[in-house]
Amino acid sequence: MKLQTPAIAPTQQQPYIPIKKSTVEPANLVAYWFKDSDGKLFRRWVPESTF
């Protein structure tokens, strides 16, 4: 699956905007907001170590 464009315009200092950190195991997850091809917002949980 290709990575969608972040919903909030990225900056050079912080290209991804983490929304909320989860305490769920096994990984420390961060929610990122994205827009799909229809312009609808959706949230994807990724391991904090990804970025």
PDB file of N, CA and C in Angstrom:
ATOM      1  N   MET A   1       0.845  -1.201   0.000  1.00  0.00           N
ATOM      2  CA  MET A   1       0.000   0.000   0.000  1.00  0.00           C
ATOM      3  C   MET A   1       0.877   1.247   0.000  1.00  0.00           C
ATOM      4  N   LYS A   2       0.591   2.163  -0.904  1.00  0.00           N
ATOM      5  CA  LYS A   2       1.433   3.355  -0.966  1.00  0.00           C
ATOM      6  C   LYS A   2       1.071   4.340   0.140  1.00  0.00           C
ATOM      7  N   LEU A   3       2.077   5.080   0.564  1.00  0.00           N
ATOM      8  CA  LEU A   3       1.878   6.036   1.648  1.00  0.00           C
ATOM      9  C   LEU A   3       1.082   7.233   1.148  1.00  0.00           C
ATOM     10  N   GLN A   4       0.064   7.612   1.909  1.00  0.00           N
ATOM     11  CA  GLN A   4      -0.775   8.742   1.524  1.00  0.00           C
ATOM     12  C   GLN A   4      -0.130  10.056   1.969  1.00  0.00           C
ATOM     13  N   THR A   5      -0.572  11.144   1.361  1.00  0.00           N
ATOM     14  CA  THR A   5      -0.073  12.458   1.745  1.00  0.00           C
ATOM     15  C   THR A   5      -0.610  12.829   3.124  1.00  0.00           C
ATOM     16  N   PRO A   6       0.255  13.307   4.013  1.00  0.00           N
ATOM     17  CA  PRO A   6      -0.221  13.712   5.342  1.00  0.00           C
ATOM     18  C   PRO A   6      -1.310  14.774   5.237  1.00  0.00           C
ATOM     19  N   ALA A   7      -2.281  14.701   6.141  1.00  0.00           N
ATOM     20  CA  ALA A   7      -3.405  15.631   6.107  1.00  0.00           C
ATOM     21  C   ALA A   7      -2.954  17.055   6.407  1.00  0.00           C
ATOM     22  N   ILE A   8      -1.949  17.165   7.281  1.00  0.00           N
ATOM     23  CA  ILE A   8      -1.396  18.475   7.612  1.00  0.00           C
ATOM     24  C   ILE A   8      -0.116  18.656   6.810  1.00  0.00           C
ATOM     25  N   ALA A   9       0.038  19.821   6.202  1.00  0.00           N
ATOM     26  CA  ALA A   9       1.203  20.054   5.355  1.00  0.00           C
ATOM     27  C   ALA A   9       2.493  19.799   6.130  1.00  0.00           C
ATOM     28  N   PRO A  10       3.358  18.933   5.600  1.00  0.00           N
ATOM     29  CA  PRO A  10       4.594  18.619   6.315  1.00  0.00           C
ATOM     30  C   PRO A  10       5.575  19.780   6.305  1.00  0.00           C
ATOM     31  N   THR A  11       6.406  19.819   7.307  1.00  0.00           N
ATOM     32  CA  THR A  11       7.470  20.815   7.360  1.00  0.00           C
ATOM     33  C   THR A  11       8.796  20.085   7.375  1.00  0.00           C
ATOM     34  N   GLN A  12       9.867  20.789   7.069  1.00  0.00           N
ATOM     35  CA  GLN A  12      11.178  20.150   7.071  1.00  0.00           C
ATOM     36  C   GLN A  12      11.577  19.740   8.480  1.00  0.00           C
ATOM     37  N   GLN A  13      11.127  20.490   9.472  1.00  0.00           N
ATOM     38  CA  GLN A  13      11.482  20.175  10.850  1.00  0.00           C
ATOM     39  C   GLN A  13      10.725  18.947  11.346  1.00  0.00           C
ATOM     40  N   GLN A  14       9.468  18.832  10.981  1.00  0.00           N
ATOM     41  CA  GLN A  14       8.645  17.713  11.444  1.00  0.00           C
ATOM     42  C   GLN A  14       7.731  17.249  10.309  1.00  0.00           C
ATOM     43  N   PRO A  15       8.239  16.340   9.461  1.00  0.00           N
ATOM     44  CA  PRO A  15       7.477  15.929   8.285  1.00  0.00           C
ATOM     45  C   PRO A  15       6.206  15.160   8.620  1.00  0.00           C
ATOM     46  N   TYR A  16       6.158  14.538   9.799  1.00  0.00           N
ATOM     47  CA  TYR A  16       4.958  13.811  10.212  1.00  0.00           C
ATOM     48  C   TYR A  16       4.458  14.378  11.525  1.00  0.00           C
ATOM     49  N   ILE A  17       3.145  14.487  11.656  1.00  0.00           N
ATOM     50  CA  ILE A  17       2.564  15.060  12.868  1.00  0.00           C
ATOM     51  C   ILE A  17       1.909  13.947  13.679  1.00  0.00           C
ATOM     52  N   PRO A  18       2.541  13.519  14.777  1.00  0.00           N
ATOM     53  CA  PRO A  18       1.932  12.494  15.614  1.00  0.00           C
ATOM     54  C   PRO A  18       0.741  13.055  16.382  1.00  0.00           C
ATOM     55  N   ILE A  19      -0.350  12.315  16.430  1.00  0.00           N
ATOM     56  CA  ILE A  19      -1.571  12.775  17.078  1.00  0.00           C
ATOM     57  C   ILE A  19      -1.626  12.309  18.527  1.00  0.00           C
ATOM     58  N   LYS A  20      -1.384  11.037  18.742  1.00  0.00           N
ATOM     59  CA  LYS A  20      -1.521  10.497  20.083  1.00  0.00           C
ATOM     60  C   LYS A  20      -0.645   9.266  20.239  1.00  0.00           C
ATOM     61  N   LYS A  21       0.026   9.184  21.366  1.00  0.00           N
ATOM     62  CA  LYS A  21       0.823   7.992  21.634  1.00  0.00           C
ATOM     63  C   LYS A  21      -0.017   6.994  22.412  1.00  0.00           C
ATOM     64  N   SER A  22       0.098   5.746  22.018  1.00  0.00           N
ATOM     65  CA  SER A  22      -0.682   4.682  22.637  1.00  0.00           C
ATOM     66  C   SER A  22       0.162   3.930  23.651  1.00  0.00           C
ATOM     67  N   THR A  23      -0.488   3.420  24.674  1.00  0.00           N
ATOM     68  CA  THR A  23       0.205   2.607  25.662  1.00  0.00           C
ATOM     69  C   THR A  23       0.009   1.122  25.368  1.00  0.00           C
ATOM     70  N   VAL A  24      -0.575   0.828  24.226  1.00  0.00           N
ATOM     71  CA  VAL A  24      -0.861  -0.555  23.849  1.00  0.00           C
ATOM     72  C   VAL A  24       0.432  -1.290  23.511  1.00  0.00           C
ATOM     73  N   GLU A  25       0.572  -2.490  24.033  1.00  0.00           N
ATOM     74  CA  GLU A  25       1.705  -3.349  23.682  1.00  0.00           C
ATOM     75  C   GLU A  25       1.359  -4.121  22.402  1.00  0.00           C
ATOM     76  N   PRO A  26       2.337  -4.648  21.675  1.00  0.00           N
ATOM     77  CA  PRO A  26       3.752  -4.687  22.041  1.00  0.00           C
ATOM     78  C   PRO A  26       4.531  -3.448  21.633  1.00  0.00           C
ATOM     79  N   ALA A  27       4.013  -2.709  20.665  1.00  0.00           N
ATOM     80  CA  ALA A  27       4.764  -1.559  20.156  1.00  0.00           C
ATOM     81  C   ALA A  27       4.172  -0.265  20.682  1.00  0.00           C
ATOM     82  N   ASN A  28       5.019   0.734  20.846  1.00  0.00           N
ATOM     83  CA  ASN A  28       4.545   2.069  21.203  1.00  0.00           C
ATOM     84  C   ASN A  28       4.071   2.734  19.915  1.00  0.00           C
ATOM     85  N   LEU A  29       2.753   2.866  19.764  1.00  0.00           N
ATOM     86  CA  LEU A  29       2.194   3.317  18.499  1.00  0.00           C
ATOM     87  C   LEU A  29       1.869   4.805  18.518  1.00  0.00           C
ATOM     88  N   VAL A  30       1.952   5.407  17.334  1.00  0.00           N
ATOM     89  CA  VAL A  30       1.583   6.807  17.165  1.00  0.00           C
ATOM     90  C   VAL A  30       0.548   6.878  16.047  1.00  0.00           C
ATOM     91  N   ALA A  31      -0.493   7.656  16.260  1.00  0.00           N
ATOM     92  CA  ALA A  31      -1.530   7.807  15.236  1.00  0.00           C
ATOM     93  C   ALA A  31      -1.179   8.968  14.319  1.00  0.00           C
ATOM     94  N   TYR A  32      -1.224   8.737  13.030  1.00  0.00           N
ATOM     95  CA  TYR A  32      -0.992   9.788  12.048  1.00  0.00           C
ATOM     96  C   TYR A  32      -2.251   9.956  11.210  1.00  0.00           C
ATOM     97  N   TRP A  33      -2.605  11.221  10.931  1.00  0.00           N
ATOM     98  CA  TRP A  33      -3.770  11.486  10.088  1.00  0.00           C
ATOM     99  C   TRP A  33      -3.325  11.597   8.635  1.00  0.00           C
ATOM    100  N   PHE A  34      -4.070  10.966   7.740  1.00  0.00           N
ATOM    101  CA  PHE A  34      -3.793  11.033   6.315  1.00  0.00           C
ATOM    102  C   PHE A  34      -5.081  11.361   5.572  1.00  0.00           C
ATOM    103  N   LYS A  35      -4.936  11.784   4.306  1.00  0.00           N
ATOM    104  CA  LYS A  35      -6.101  11.941   3.439  1.00  0.00           C
ATOM    105  C   LYS A  35      -6.049  10.857   2.372  1.00  0.00           C
ATOM    106  N   ASP A  36      -7.217  10.268   2.098  1.00  0.00           N
ATOM    107  CA  ASP A  36      -7.258   9.284   1.023  1.00  0.00           C
ATOM    108  C   ASP A  36      -7.513   9.994  -0.310  1.00  0.00           C
ATOM    109  N   SER A  37      -7.675   9.207  -1.366  1.00  0.00           N
ATOM    110  CA  SER A  37      -7.826   9.789  -2.701  1.00  0.00           C
ATOM    111  C   SER A  37      -9.097  10.623  -2.827  1.00  0.00           C
ATOM    112  N   ASP A  38     -10.068  10.394  -1.939  1.00  0.00           N
ATOM    113  CA  ASP A  38     -11.312  11.166  -1.966  1.00  0.00           C
ATOM    114  C   ASP A  38     -11.240  12.408  -1.081  1.00  0.00           C
ATOM    115  N   GLY A  39     -10.082  12.597  -0.424  1.00  0.00           N
ATOM    116  CA  GLY A  39      -9.931  13.752   0.447  1.00  0.00           C
ATOM    117  C   GLY A  39     -10.474  13.530   1.845  1.00  0.00           C
ATOM    118  N   LYS A  40     -10.867  12.286   2.148  1.00  0.00           N
ATOM    119  CA  LYS A  40     -11.374  11.984   3.488  1.00  0.00           C
ATOM    120  C   LYS A  40     -10.214  11.673   4.425  1.00  0.00           C
ATOM    121  N   LEU A  41     -10.346  12.148   5.655  1.00  0.00           N
ATOM    122  CA  LEU A  41      -9.298  11.887   6.634  1.00  0.00           C
ATOM    123  C   LEU A  41      -9.406  10.465   7.168  1.00  0.00           C
ATOM    124  N   PHE A  42      -8.258   9.837   7.357  1.00  0.00           N
ATOM    125  CA  PHE A  42      -8.252   8.563   8.058  1.00  0.00           C
ATOM    126  C   PHE A  42      -6.997   8.481   8.909  1.00  0.00           C
ATOM    127  N   ARG A  43      -7.041   7.617   9.908  1.00  0.00           N
ATOM    128  CA  ARG A  43      -5.959   7.531  10.880  1.00  0.00           C
ATOM    129  C   ARG A  43      -5.241   6.199  10.721  1.00  0.00           C
ATOM    130  N   ARG A  44      -3.933   6.245  10.771  1.00  0.00           N
ATOM    131  CA  ARG A  44      -3.150   5.020  10.680  1.00  0.00           C
ATOM    132  C   ARG A  44      -2.206   4.951  11.866  1.00  0.00           C
ATOM    133  N   TRP A  45      -2.203   3.794  12.529  1.00  0.00           N
ATOM    134  CA  TRP A  45      -1.313   3.597  13.672  1.00  0.00           C
ATOM    135  C   TRP A  45      -0.024   2.962  13.187  1.00  0.00           C
ATOM    136  N   VAL A  46       1.092   3.578  13.555  1.00  0.00           N
ATOM    137  CA  VAL A  46       2.394   3.056  13.151  1.00  0.00           C
ATOM    138  C   VAL A  46       3.301   2.985  14.368  1.00  0.00           C
ATOM    139  N   PRO A  47       4.246   2.050  14.392  1.00  0.00           N
ATOM    140  CA  PRO A  47       5.198   1.995  15.503  1.00  0.00           C
ATOM    141  C   PRO A  47       6.018   3.274  15.567  1.00  0.00           C
ATOM    142  N   GLU A  48       6.275   3.751  16.776  1.00  0.00           N
ATOM    143  CA  GLU A  48       7.009   4.997  16.953  1.00  0.00           C
ATOM    144  C   GLU A  48       8.385   4.917  16.313  1.00  0.00           C
ATOM    145  N   SER A  49       8.983   3.720  16.298  1.00  0.00           N
ATOM    146  CA  SER A  49      10.325   3.554  15.749  1.00  0.00           C
ATOM    147  C   SER A  49      10.371   3.730  14.234  1.00  0.00           C
ATOM    148  N   THR A  50       9.195   3.730  13.572  1.00  0.00           N
ATOM    149  CA  THR A  50       9.159   3.889  12.120  1.00  0.00           C
ATOM    150  C   THR A  50       9.737   5.237  11.711  1.00  0.00           C
ATOM    151  N   PHE A  51       9.502   6.246  12.534  1.00  0.00           N
ATOM    152  CA  PHE A  51       9.998   7.574  12.221  1.00  0.00           C
ATOM    153  C   PHE A  51      11.052   7.986  13.222  1.00  0.00           C
TER     154      PHE A  51
END
